[in-house]
Amino acid sequence: MSLTQADARTSPGAAAHPARHGALLALRGVRLGHRGNAVLDGVDLTVEPGEVLAVVGPSGCGKSTLLRTLAGLLPPLDGVVEQDGAPVRGPGADRALVFQDDALLPWRTVRANVELPLAVGRSRGPSGEERAPRPSRASGPDGDGQGGDGQSGVPGRTGRSPVFDLSRAARRAQRRTAAQWLERVGLDGHAHKFPHQLSGGQRQRVQLARALAARPRAVLMDEPFGALDAQTRAEMQDLLVDVLAGTGATVVFVTHDVDEALFLGDRVALLGTAQVVPVPNPRDRGASYAGLRQQIINSL
C-alpha cells in the first residue's frame, strides 16, 4: 500500500503545497503487524521536516501500529523504517511519544515528570536556546568545573566535589527548562502537584510539556485528545498549535477524528485508501473544509 499524495486538483478546495525535500522519517515497503500477523502491508510513506502529518483511518486499520513502528518500539515485519536516511533500530530520544493515556509517573510531581527527558538530552527553552549548565561557585576561574585548588576531582575550599557541583548546575538547568515549558502550557502554578490532582486536560498538558522539553525532532502522538470532552479537546488543539510554533518539531498525529486531522495537519494520510491529501490553510479555525472532509469520510 503506497501512500501517495493525492493530486490537489482532485481534492475539493485543496491547494498544492510547495515540494519538500529530504524526509525526516520514512517507511519504505514496510509490512506492519504483531507476531507475524500483518496489519498493513507494503507501506511507503514519508514525513517531511517541520510538518504535521495527520493519520486517519477506520478502527483497527493499523494507525497506532504505524506510529509505534516509527517510534522504534515495534520492528517492521518487512521493509525499512528510516530517520534522515538511516535505519531506525529502536527508540530514540529525538522521537517523543504522546499517548491517549497520559503515561505520567504517579509518584513524581508534575515538574519531575517534565524533567524526565532532560536527563537524556541537553535541555532547551521554548524558543530553542540551549540551557547549558553554568559554572558553579566551586568552579575555577576558567569555568572548567575545577574548584578550590584547581585539581580535577579534588574538593577545594568549599569541601564539595566538582562533579557534585556540576551535577547541581545541570539540575538547576533542568528545573529552569521544566518551569519554562510548564508556563508555556499554562501549568506554571501546578509544578508541585501530582498527576492524580490534575484533570484529564491538565495531564495531557503535562505530557505535551514533557514531550517537547528536550526538543525532539519528531513528536509522535497517538490519539492524545481522544478521551477529552469537546471543549477541552478544542482547547488542547489550539494549545498544540501554539506550543509547536517556533520549535521546528515534526509531528505525526494519529486520530480517528477527521475534523481534528484537517485542523492540525499540513497533510492527512488516509490508511484506508493509501492516499496523502494536502490540507489548504491548516490550523485555521475559520477555514471551511466541507468538501475535503466529505471526500475523506467517503474514503474511510
C-alpha atoms as a PDB file:
ATOM      1  CA  MET A   1       0.000   0.000   0.000  1.00  0.00           C
ATOM      2  CA  SER A   2       1.815   3.051  -1.234  1.00  0.00           C
ATOM      3  CA  LEU A   3       0.610   6.218   0.472  1.00  0.00           C
ATOM      4  CA  THR A   4       0.919   8.775  -2.294  1.00  0.00           C
ATOM      5  CA  GLN A   5      -0.066  12.435  -2.253  1.00  0.00           C
ATOM      6  CA  ALA A   6      -3.394  12.998  -3.940  1.00  0.00           C
ATOM      7  CA  ASP A   7      -3.487  15.428  -6.837  1.00  0.00           C
ATOM      8  CA  ALA A   8      -4.599  18.741  -5.349  1.00  0.00           C
ATOM      9  CA  ARG A   9      -6.891  19.232  -8.339  1.00  0.00           C
ATOM     10  CA  THR A  10      -8.955  16.220  -7.269  1.00  0.00           C
ATOM     11  CA  SER A  11      -9.249  17.420  -3.676  1.00  0.00           C
ATOM     12  CA  PRO A  12     -12.106  19.923  -3.310  1.00  0.00           C
ATOM     13  CA  GLY A  13     -10.763  23.205  -2.005  1.00  0.00           C
ATOM     14  CA  ALA A  14      -7.192  21.888  -1.777  1.00  0.00           C
ATOM     15  CA  ALA A  15      -4.189  23.910  -2.861  1.00  0.00           C
ATOM     16  CA  ALA A  16      -0.887  22.440  -3.945  1.00  0.00           C
ATOM     17  CA  HIS A  17       1.790  22.677  -1.251  1.00  0.00           C
ATOM     18  CA  PRO A  18       5.380  23.507  -2.141  1.00  0.00           C
ATOM     19  CA  ALA A  19       7.514  20.459  -2.828  1.00  0.00           C
ATOM     20  CA  ARG A  20       9.507  19.286   0.213  1.00  0.00           C
ATOM     21  CA  HIS A  21      12.858  17.563   0.080  1.00  0.00           C
ATOM     22  CA  GLY A  22      14.766  15.324   2.470  1.00  0.00           C
ATOM     23  CA  ALA A  23      12.276  13.326   4.539  1.00  0.00           C
ATOM     24  CA  LEU A  24      12.883  13.212   8.284  1.00  0.00           C
ATOM     25  CA  LEU A  25      11.036   9.904   8.681  1.00  0.00           C
ATOM     26  CA  ALA A  26      10.242   7.333   6.027  1.00  0.00           C
ATOM     27  CA  LEU A  27       8.666   3.899   5.731  1.00  0.00           C
ATOM     28  CA  ARG A  28       9.783   2.040   2.623  1.00  0.00           C
ATOM     29  CA  GLY A  29       7.980  -1.135   1.607  1.00  0.00           C
ATOM     30  CA  VAL A  30       7.090  -1.725   5.242  1.00  0.00           C
ATOM     31  CA  ARG A  31       4.906  -4.586   6.438  1.00  0.00           C
ATOM     32  CA  LEU A  32       3.483  -3.881   9.894  1.00  0.00           C
ATOM     33  CA  GLY A  33       1.899  -6.142  12.464  1.00  0.00           C
ATOM     34  CA  HIS A  34       2.298  -8.249  15.584  1.00  0.00           C
ATOM     35  CA  ARG A  35       3.750 -11.755  15.904  1.00  0.00           C
ATOM     36  CA  GLY A  36       3.847 -12.264  12.181  1.00  0.00           C
ATOM     37  CA  ASN A  37       0.261 -11.121  11.586  1.00  0.00           C
ATOM     38  CA  ALA A  38       0.296  -8.189   9.175  1.00  0.00           C
ATOM     39  CA  VAL A  39      -1.990  -5.213   9.778  1.00  0.00           C
ATOM     40  CA  LEU A  40      -0.557  -3.049   6.989  1.00  0.00           C
ATOM     41  CA  ASP A  41       1.409  -4.298   4.010  1.00  0.00           C
ATOM     42  CA  GLY A  42       3.691  -2.530   1.552  1.00  0.00           C
ATOM     43  CA  VAL A  43       3.560   0.878   3.237  1.00  0.00           C
ATOM     44  CA  ASP A  44       5.559   3.678   1.604  1.00  0.00           C
ATOM     45  CA  LEU A  45       5.248   6.963   3.483  1.00  0.00           C
ATOM     46  CA  THR A  46       7.449   9.985   4.121  1.00  0.00           C
ATOM     47  CA  VAL A  47       7.197  12.608   6.856  1.00  0.00           C
ATOM     48  CA  GLU A  48       8.815  15.908   5.965  1.00  0.00           C
ATOM     49  CA  PRO A  49      10.794  18.118   8.388  1.00  0.00           C
ATOM     50  CA  GLY A  50       8.631  20.609  10.262  1.00  0.00           C
ATOM     51  CA  GLU A  51       5.276  19.338   9.024  1.00  0.00           C
ATOM     52  CA  VAL A  52       2.277  17.985  10.914  1.00  0.00           C
ATOM     53  CA  LEU A  53       1.164  14.759   9.261  1.00  0.00           C
ATOM     54  CA  ALA A  54      -2.257  13.644  10.496  1.00  0.00           C
ATOM     55  CA  VAL A  55      -3.064   9.944  10.098  1.00  0.00           C
ATOM     56  CA  VAL A  56      -6.697   8.822   9.934  1.00  0.00           C
ATOM     57  CA  GLY A  57      -8.375   5.539   9.145  1.00  0.00           C
ATOM     58  CA  PRO A  58     -11.037   3.123  10.348  1.00  0.00           C
ATOM     59  CA  SER A  59     -10.701   1.402  13.708  1.00  0.00           C
ATOM     60  CA  GLY A  60      -8.216  -1.451  13.611  1.00  0.00           C
ATOM     61  CA  CYS A  61      -6.564  -0.330  10.372  1.00  0.00           C
ATOM     62  CA  GLY A  62      -3.122  -0.040  11.962  1.00  0.00           C
ATOM     63  CA  LYS A  63      -2.777   3.660  12.834  1.00  0.00           C
ATOM     64  CA  SER A  64      -1.247   3.006  16.249  1.00  0.00           C
ATOM     65  CA  THR A  65       0.891   0.183  14.860  1.00  0.00           C
ATOM     66  CA  LEU A  66       2.304   2.584  12.278  1.00  0.00           C
ATOM     67  CA  LEU A  67       3.115   5.127  14.989  1.00  0.00           C
ATOM     68  CA  ARG A  68       4.864   2.587  17.211  1.00  0.00           C
ATOM     69  CA  THR A  69       6.889   1.416  14.247  1.00  0.00           C
ATOM     70  CA  LEU A  70       8.026   4.983  13.543  1.00  0.00           C
ATOM     71  CA  ALA A  71       8.942   5.271  17.225  1.00  0.00           C
ATOM     72  CA  GLY A  72      11.135   2.181  17.018  1.00  0.00           C
ATOM     73  CA  LEU A  73       9.026   0.327  19.585  1.00  0.00           C
ATOM     74  CA  LEU A  74       7.777  -2.230  17.075  1.00  0.00           C
ATOM     75  CA  PRO A  75      10.101  -3.553  14.366  1.00  0.00           C
ATOM     76  CA  PRO A  76       8.544  -3.968  10.927  1.00  0.00           C
ATOM     77  CA  LEU A  77       7.834  -7.471   9.684  1.00  0.00           C
ATOM     78  CA  ASP A  78       9.428  -6.432   6.417  1.00  0.00           C
ATOM     79  CA  GLY A  79      10.798  -3.284   4.797  1.00  0.00           C
ATOM     80  CA  VAL A  80      12.779  -0.401   6.279  1.00  0.00           C
ATOM     81  CA  VAL A  81      11.966   2.472   8.644  1.00  0.00           C
ATOM     82  CA  GLU A  82      14.358   5.402   8.279  1.00  0.00           C
ATOM     83  CA  GLN A  83      15.233   8.630  10.022  1.00  0.00           C
ATOM     84  CA  ASP A  84      17.378  11.008   7.986  1.00  0.00           C
ATOM     85  CA  GLY A  85      18.042   8.143   5.581  1.00  0.00           C
ATOM     86  CA  ALA A  86      19.429   5.823   8.279  1.00  0.00           C
ATOM     87  CA  PRO A  87      17.578   2.710   9.521  1.00  0.00           C
ATOM     88  CA  VAL A  88      15.629   3.074  12.776  1.00  0.00           C
ATOM     89  CA  ARG A  89      16.649   0.188  15.037  1.00  0.00           C
ATOM     90  CA  GLY A  90      14.917   1.171  18.249  1.00  0.00           C
ATOM     91  CA  PRO A  91      13.526   4.065  20.312  1.00  0.00           C
ATOM     92  CA  GLY A  92      15.458   7.325  20.348  1.00  0.00           C
ATOM     93  CA  ALA A  93      15.429  10.467  22.463  1.00  0.00           C
ATOM     94  CA  ASP A  94      14.858  12.549  19.333  1.00  0.00           C
ATOM     95  CA  ARG A  95      11.449  10.888  18.849  1.00  0.00           C
ATOM     96  CA  ALA A  96       8.989  11.704  21.650  1.00  0.00           C
ATOM     97  CA  LEU A  97       5.729   9.843  22.197  1.00  0.00           C
ATOM     98  CA  VAL A  98       2.421  11.205  23.487  1.00  0.00           C
ATOM     99  CA  PHE A  99      -0.370   8.717  24.179  1.00  0.00           C
ATOM    100  CA  GLN A 100      -4.082   8.987  24.935  1.00  0.00           C
ATOM    101  CA  ASP A 101      -3.360   7.586  28.393  1.00  0.00           C
ATOM    102  CA  ASP A 102      -1.140  10.224  29.930  1.00  0.00           C
ATOM    103  CA  ALA A 103       1.640   7.768  30.937  1.00  0.00           C
ATOM    104  CA  LEU A 104       2.800  10.111  33.701  1.00  0.00           C
ATOM    105  CA  LEU A 105       4.631   8.581  36.653  1.00  0.00           C
ATOM    106  CA  PRO A 106       2.146   8.911  39.538  1.00  0.00           C
ATOM    107  CA  TRP A 107       4.798   9.101  42.257  1.00  0.00           C
ATOM    108  CA  ARG A 108       6.562  12.068  40.643  1.00  0.00           C
ATOM    109  CA  THR A 109       5.409  15.669  40.728  1.00  0.00           C
ATOM    110  CA  VAL A 110       4.354  17.487  37.584  1.00  0.00           C
ATOM    111  CA  ARG A 111       7.729  19.209  37.354  1.00  0.00           C
ATOM    112  CA  ALA A 112       9.621  15.968  37.954  1.00  0.00           C
ATOM    113  CA  ASN A 113       7.668  14.296  35.153  1.00  0.00           C
ATOM    114  CA  VAL A 114       8.575  17.083  32.729  1.00  0.00           C
ATOM    115  CA  GLU A 115      12.235  16.828  33.751  1.00  0.00           C
ATOM    116  CA  LEU A 116      12.500  13.138  32.814  1.00  0.00           C
ATOM    117  CA  PRO A 117      13.606  13.543  29.166  1.00  0.00           C
ATOM    118  CA  LEU A 118      16.066  16.270  30.133  1.00  0.00           C
ATOM    119  CA  ALA A 119      18.318  13.634  31.690  1.00  0.00           C
ATOM    120  CA  VAL A 120      18.808  12.202  28.185  1.00  0.00           C
ATOM    121  CA  GLY A 121      19.429  15.295  26.044  1.00  0.00           C
ATOM    122  CA  ARG A 122      20.564  18.875  26.576  1.00  0.00           C
ATOM    123  CA  SER A 123      17.745  20.979  27.910  1.00  0.00           C
ATOM    124  CA  ARG A 124      16.370  23.763  25.748  1.00  0.00           C
ATOM    125  CA  GLY A 125      13.914  26.553  26.367  1.00  0.00           C
ATOM    126  CA  PRO A 126      10.673  27.015  24.398  1.00  0.00           C
ATOM    127  CA  SER A 127      12.407  29.324  21.924  1.00  0.00           C
ATOM    128  CA  GLY A 128      15.052  26.706  21.191  1.00  0.00           C
ATOM    129  CA  GLU A 129      18.035  28.125  23.055  1.00  0.00           C
ATOM    130  CA  GLU A 130      20.302  25.595  24.757  1.00  0.00           C
ATOM    131  CA  ARG A 131      20.381  25.678  28.529  1.00  0.00           C
ATOM    132  CA  ALA A 132      23.936  24.567  29.222  1.00  0.00           C
ATOM    133  CA  PRO A 133      24.830  24.304  32.922  1.00  0.00           C
ATOM    134  CA  ARG A 134      26.558  27.391  34.273  1.00  0.00           C
ATOM    135  CA  PRO A 135      29.813  27.054  36.199  1.00  0.00           C
ATOM    136  CA  SER A 136      29.149  26.629  39.905  1.00  0.00           C
ATOM    137  CA  ARG A 137      30.582  28.729  42.678  1.00  0.00           C
ATOM    138  CA  ALA A 138      33.114  25.994  43.347  1.00  0.00           C
ATOM    139  CA  SER A 139      34.336  26.094  39.745  1.00  0.00           C
ATOM    140  CA  GLY A 140      37.720  27.530  38.903  1.00  0.00           C
ATOM    141  CA  PRO A 141      38.129  30.987  37.366  1.00  0.00           C
ATOM    142  CA  ASP A 142      38.134  29.467  33.875  1.00  0.00           C
ATOM    143  CA  GLY A 143      34.752  27.872  34.435  1.00  0.00           C
ATOM    144  CA  ASP A 144      36.219  24.395  33.944  1.00  0.00           C
ATOM    145  CA  GLY A 145      34.433  22.792  36.878  1.00  0.00           C
ATOM    146  CA  GLN A 146      37.618  22.589  38.950  1.00  0.00           C
ATOM    147  CA  GLY A 147      37.032  24.025  42.371  1.00  0.00           C
ATOM    148  CA  GLY A 148      39.346  25.378  45.037  1.00  0.00           C
ATOM    149  CA  ASP A 149      42.827  24.096  44.280  1.00  0.00           C
ATOM    150  CA  GLY A 150      42.094  23.726  40.555  1.00  0.00           C
ATOM    151  CA  GLN A 151      42.832  19.998  40.516  1.00  0.00           C
ATOM    152  CA  SER A 152      40.168  17.863  38.886  1.00  0.00           C
ATOM    153  CA  GLY A 153      38.316  15.618  41.313  1.00  0.00           C
ATOM    154  CA  VAL A 154      39.801  17.196  44.443  1.00  0.00           C
ATOM    155  CA  PRO A 155      37.474  19.206  46.679  1.00  0.00           C
ATOM    156  CA  GLY A 156      38.509  22.813  47.100  1.00  0.00           C
ATOM    157  CA  ARG A 157      37.908  25.171  49.973  1.00  0.00           C
ATOM    158  CA  THR A 158      34.199  24.606  49.729  1.00  0.00           C
ATOM    159  CA  GLY A 159      34.708  20.927  50.572  1.00  0.00           C
ATOM    160  CA  ARG A 160      32.454  19.997  47.636  1.00  0.00           C
ATOM    161  CA  SER A 161      33.427  17.760  44.748  1.00  0.00           C
ATOM    162  CA  PRO A 162      33.494  19.498  41.337  1.00  0.00           C
ATOM    163  CA  VAL A 163      31.470  16.594  39.964  1.00  0.00           C
ATOM    164  CA  PHE A 164      28.807  17.250  42.585  1.00  0.00           C
ATOM    165  CA  ASP A 165      28.772  20.952  41.748  1.00  0.00           C
ATOM    166  CA  LEU A 166      28.356  20.339  38.006  1.00  0.00           C
ATOM    167  CA  SER A 167      25.525  17.948  38.771  1.00  0.00           C
ATOM    168  CA  ARG A 168      23.823  20.640  40.812  1.00  0.00           C
ATOM    169  CA  ALA A 169      24.239  23.112  37.958  1.00  0.00           C
ATOM    170  CA  ALA A 170      22.745  20.654  35.490  1.00  0.00           C
ATOM    171  CA  ARG A 171      19.879  20.034  37.868  1.00  0.00           C
ATOM    172  CA  ARG A 172      19.139  23.753  38.119  1.00  0.00           C
ATOM    173  CA  ALA A 173      19.168  23.998  34.326  1.00  0.00           C
ATOM    174  CA  GLN A 174      16.676  21.142  34.088  1.00  0.00           C
ATOM    175  CA  ARG A 175      14.376  22.816  36.587  1.00  0.00           C
ATOM    176  CA  ARG A 176      14.501  26.095  34.699  1.00  0.00           C
ATOM    177  CA  THR A 177      13.647  24.362  31.440  1.00  0.00           C
ATOM    178  CA  ALA A 178      10.798  22.378  33.015  1.00  0.00           C
ATOM    179  CA  ALA A 179       9.422  25.570  34.558  1.00  0.00           C
ATOM    180  CA  GLN A 180       9.511  27.326  31.177  1.00  0.00           C
ATOM    181  CA  TRP A 181       7.587  24.553  29.479  1.00  0.00           C
ATOM    182  CA  LEU A 182       5.020  24.318  32.259  1.00  0.00           C
ATOM    183  CA  GLU A 183       4.443  28.046  31.882  1.00  0.00           C
ATOM    184  CA  ARG A 184       4.134  27.577  28.118  1.00  0.00           C
ATOM    185  CA  VAL A 185       1.321  25.032  28.553  1.00  0.00           C
ATOM    186  CA  GLY A 186      -0.409  27.083  31.268  1.00  0.00           C
ATOM    187  CA  LEU A 187       0.538  24.947  34.271  1.00  0.00           C
ATOM    188  CA  ASP A 188       3.164  27.088  35.973  1.00  0.00           C
ATOM    189  CA  GLY A 189       1.126  27.034  39.191  1.00  0.00           C
ATOM    190  CA  HIS A 190       0.916  23.232  39.277  1.00  0.00           C
ATOM    191  CA  ALA A 191       4.582  22.211  39.330  1.00  0.00           C
ATOM    192  CA  HIS A 192       4.454  20.583  42.779  1.00  0.00           C
ATOM    193  CA  LYS A 193       1.198  18.704  42.282  1.00  0.00           C
ATOM    194  CA  PHE A 194       0.953  15.014  41.473  1.00  0.00           C
ATOM    195  CA  PRO A 195      -0.809  13.625  38.385  1.00  0.00           C
ATOM    196  CA  HIS A 196      -3.841  12.416  40.343  1.00  0.00           C
ATOM    197  CA  GLN A 197      -4.502  16.009  41.417  1.00  0.00           C
ATOM    198  CA  LEU A 198      -4.950  17.175  37.812  1.00  0.00           C
ATOM    199  CA  SER A 199      -7.827  16.983  35.353  1.00  0.00           C
ATOM    200  CA  GLY A 200      -7.541  14.940  32.174  1.00  0.00           C
ATOM    201  CA  GLY A 201      -6.807  18.024  30.104  1.00  0.00           C
ATOM    202  CA  GLN A 202      -4.147  19.183  32.552  1.00  0.00           C
ATOM    203  CA  ARG A 203      -2.439  15.787  32.462  1.00  0.00           C
ATOM    204  CA  GLN A 204      -2.300  15.995  28.676  1.00  0.00           C
ATOM    205  CA  ARG A 205      -0.706  19.436  29.011  1.00  0.00           C
ATOM    206  CA  VAL A 206       1.977  17.872  31.208  1.00  0.00           C
ATOM    207  CA  GLN A 207       2.517  15.168  28.591  1.00  0.00           C
ATOM    208  CA  LEU A 208       2.923  17.811  25.918  1.00  0.00           C
ATOM    209  CA  ALA A 209       5.417  19.783  28.017  1.00  0.00           C
ATOM    210  CA  ARG A 210       7.383  16.620  28.771  1.00  0.00           C
ATOM    211  CA  ALA A 211       7.444  15.594  25.111  1.00  0.00           C
ATOM    212  CA  LEU A 212       8.769  18.969  23.940  1.00  0.00           C
ATOM    213  CA  ALA A 213      11.104  19.798  26.838  1.00  0.00           C
ATOM    214  CA  ALA A 214      14.135  18.037  25.355  1.00  0.00           C
ATOM    215  CA  ARG A 215      13.432  19.470  21.904  1.00  0.00           C
ATOM    216  CA  PRO A 216      12.904  16.201  19.989  1.00  0.00           C
ATOM    217  CA  ARG A 217      12.996  16.330  16.222  1.00  0.00           C
ATOM    218  CA  ALA A 218       9.778  14.337  15.930  1.00  0.00           C
ATOM    219  CA  VAL A 219       6.730  14.137  18.195  1.00  0.00           C
ATOM    220  CA  LEU A 220       4.563  11.055  17.655  1.00  0.00           C
ATOM    221  CA  MET A 221       1.052  11.499  19.046  1.00  0.00           C
ATOM    222  CA  ASP A 222      -1.418   8.620  19.358  1.00  0.00           C
ATOM    223  CA  GLU A 223      -5.000   9.897  19.843  1.00  0.00           C
ATOM    224  CA  PRO A 224      -3.741  12.265  22.570  1.00  0.00           C
ATOM    225  CA  PHE A 225      -7.029  14.160  22.932  1.00  0.00           C
ATOM    226  CA  GLY A 226      -9.400  11.259  22.274  1.00  0.00           C
ATOM    227  CA  ALA A 227     -10.617  10.912  25.862  1.00  0.00           C
ATOM    228  CA  LEU A 228     -11.296  14.619  26.407  1.00  0.00           C
ATOM    229  CA  ASP A 229     -14.629  16.419  26.185  1.00  0.00           C
ATOM    230  CA  ALA A 230     -15.267  18.523  23.082  1.00  0.00           C
ATOM    231  CA  GLN A 231     -14.402  21.893  24.648  1.00  0.00           C
ATOM    232  CA  THR A 232     -11.200  20.663  26.292  1.00  0.00           C
ATOM    233  CA  ARG A 233     -10.249  18.888  23.086  1.00  0.00           C
ATOM    234  CA  ALA A 234     -10.545  22.105  21.067  1.00  0.00           C
ATOM    235  CA  GLU A 235      -8.510  23.953  23.703  1.00  0.00           C
ATOM    236  CA  MET A 236      -5.778  21.305  23.506  1.00  0.00           C
ATOM    237  CA  GLN A 237      -5.699  21.515  19.718  1.00  0.00           C
ATOM    238  CA  ASP A 238      -5.181  25.282  19.923  1.00  0.00           C
ATOM    239  CA  LEU A 239      -2.540  24.817  22.620  1.00  0.00           C
ATOM    240  CA  LEU A 240      -0.678  22.293  20.472  1.00  0.00           C
ATOM    241  CA  VAL A 241      -0.601  24.759  17.579  1.00  0.00           C
ATOM    242  CA  ASP A 242       0.697  27.476  19.913  1.00  0.00           C
ATOM    243  CA  VAL A 243       3.462  25.462  21.575  1.00  0.00           C
ATOM    244  CA  LEU A 244       4.678  23.973  18.292  1.00  0.00           C
ATOM    245  CA  ALA A 245       5.179  27.435  16.806  1.00  0.00           C
ATOM    246  CA  GLY A 246       8.877  28.117  16.543  1.00  0.00           C
ATOM    247  CA  THR A 247      10.014  24.683  17.740  1.00  0.00           C
ATOM    248  CA  GLY A 248      10.629  23.244  14.285  1.00  0.00           C
ATOM    249  CA  ALA A 249       9.336  19.893  15.521  1.00  0.00           C
ATOM    250  CA  THR A 250       7.888  17.389  13.085  1.00  0.00           C
ATOM    251  CA  VAL A 251       4.610  15.812  14.237  1.00  0.00           C
ATOM    252  CA  VAL A 252       2.825  12.611  13.286  1.00  0.00           C
ATOM    253  CA  PHE A 253      -0.669  12.880  14.777  1.00  0.00           C
ATOM    254  CA  VAL A 254      -2.885   9.780  14.786  1.00  0.00           C
ATOM    255  CA  THR A 255      -6.608  10.433  15.210  1.00  0.00           C
ATOM    256  CA  HIS A 256      -9.987   8.970  14.315  1.00  0.00           C
ATOM    257  CA  ASP A 257     -11.467  12.495  14.141  1.00  0.00           C
ATOM    258  CA  VAL A 258     -11.455  13.842  10.572  1.00  0.00           C
ATOM    259  CA  ASP A 259     -12.125  17.427  11.710  1.00  0.00           C
ATOM    260  CA  GLU A 260      -9.159  17.263  14.077  1.00  0.00           C
ATOM    261  CA  ALA A 261      -6.951  15.895  11.300  1.00  0.00           C
ATOM    262  CA  LEU A 262      -7.992  18.671   8.915  1.00  0.00           C
ATOM    263  CA  PHE A 263      -7.394  21.388  11.505  1.00  0.00           C
ATOM    264  CA  LEU A 264      -3.972  20.205  12.675  1.00  0.00           C
ATOM    265  CA  GLY A 265      -2.462  18.556   9.621  1.00  0.00           C
ATOM    266  CA  ASP A 266      -0.466  20.015   6.767  1.00  0.00           C
ATOM    267  CA  ARG A 267      -1.300  16.712   5.107  1.00  0.00           C
ATOM    268  CA  VAL A 268      -3.676  13.894   6.001  1.00  0.00           C
ATOM    269  CA  ALA A 269      -2.659  10.281   5.395  1.00  0.00           C
ATOM    270  CA  LEU A 270      -5.664   8.044   4.709  1.00  0.00           C
ATOM    271  CA  LEU A 271      -4.757   4.491   5.630  1.00  0.00           C
ATOM    272  CA  GLY A 272      -7.981   3.182   4.148  1.00  0.00           C
ATOM    273  CA  THR A 273      -7.249   4.464   0.632  1.00  0.00           C
ATOM    274  CA  ALA A 274      -3.449   4.761   0.643  1.00  0.00           C
ATOM    275  CA  GLN A 275      -3.535   8.492  -0.124  1.00  0.00           C
ATOM    276  CA  VAL A 276      -1.962  11.557   1.433  1.00  0.00           C
ATOM    277  CA  VAL A 277      -4.156  14.624   0.980  1.00  0.00           C
ATOM    278  CA  PRO A 278      -2.763  18.181   1.264  1.00  0.00           C
ATOM    279  CA  VAL A 279      -4.765  20.488   3.528  1.00  0.00           C
ATOM    280  CA  PRO A 280      -5.387  24.106   2.461  1.00  0.00           C
ATOM    281  CA  ASN A 281      -4.927  26.695   5.232  1.00  0.00           C
ATOM    282  CA  PRO A 282      -4.042  24.251   8.025  1.00  0.00           C
ATOM    283  CA  ARG A 283      -4.627  25.333  11.639  1.00  0.00           C
ATOM    284  CA  ASP A 284      -7.174  27.968  10.646  1.00  0.00           C
ATOM    285  CA  ARG A 285     -10.356  27.830  12.740  1.00  0.00           C
ATOM    286  CA  GLY A 286     -12.158  29.950  10.167  1.00  0.00           C
ATOM    287  CA  ALA A 287     -11.358  27.672   7.233  1.00  0.00           C
ATOM    288  CA  SER A 288     -14.058  25.564   5.606  1.00  0.00           C
ATOM    289  CA  TYR A 289     -13.073  22.006   4.785  1.00  0.00           C
ATOM    290  CA  ALA A 290     -16.553  20.754   3.917  1.00  0.00           C
ATOM    291  CA  GLY A 291     -15.695  19.293   0.524  1.00  0.00           C
ATOM    292  CA  LEU A 292     -12.397  17.795   1.627  1.00  0.00           C
ATOM    293  CA  ARG A 293     -13.965  16.475   4.824  1.00  0.00           C
ATOM    294  CA  GLN A 294     -16.669  14.651   2.883  1.00  0.00           C
ATOM    295  CA  GLN A 295     -14.100  13.246   0.479  1.00  0.00           C
ATOM    296  CA  ILE A 296     -12.102  11.802   3.369  1.00  0.00           C
ATOM    297  CA  ILE A 297     -15.171  10.396   5.129  1.00  0.00           C
ATOM    298  CA  ASN A 298     -16.297   8.711   1.911  1.00  0.00           C
ATOM    299  CA  SER A 299     -12.845   7.154   1.581  1.00  0.00           C
ATOM    300  CA  LEU A 300     -12.750   5.613   5.054  1.00  0.00           C
END
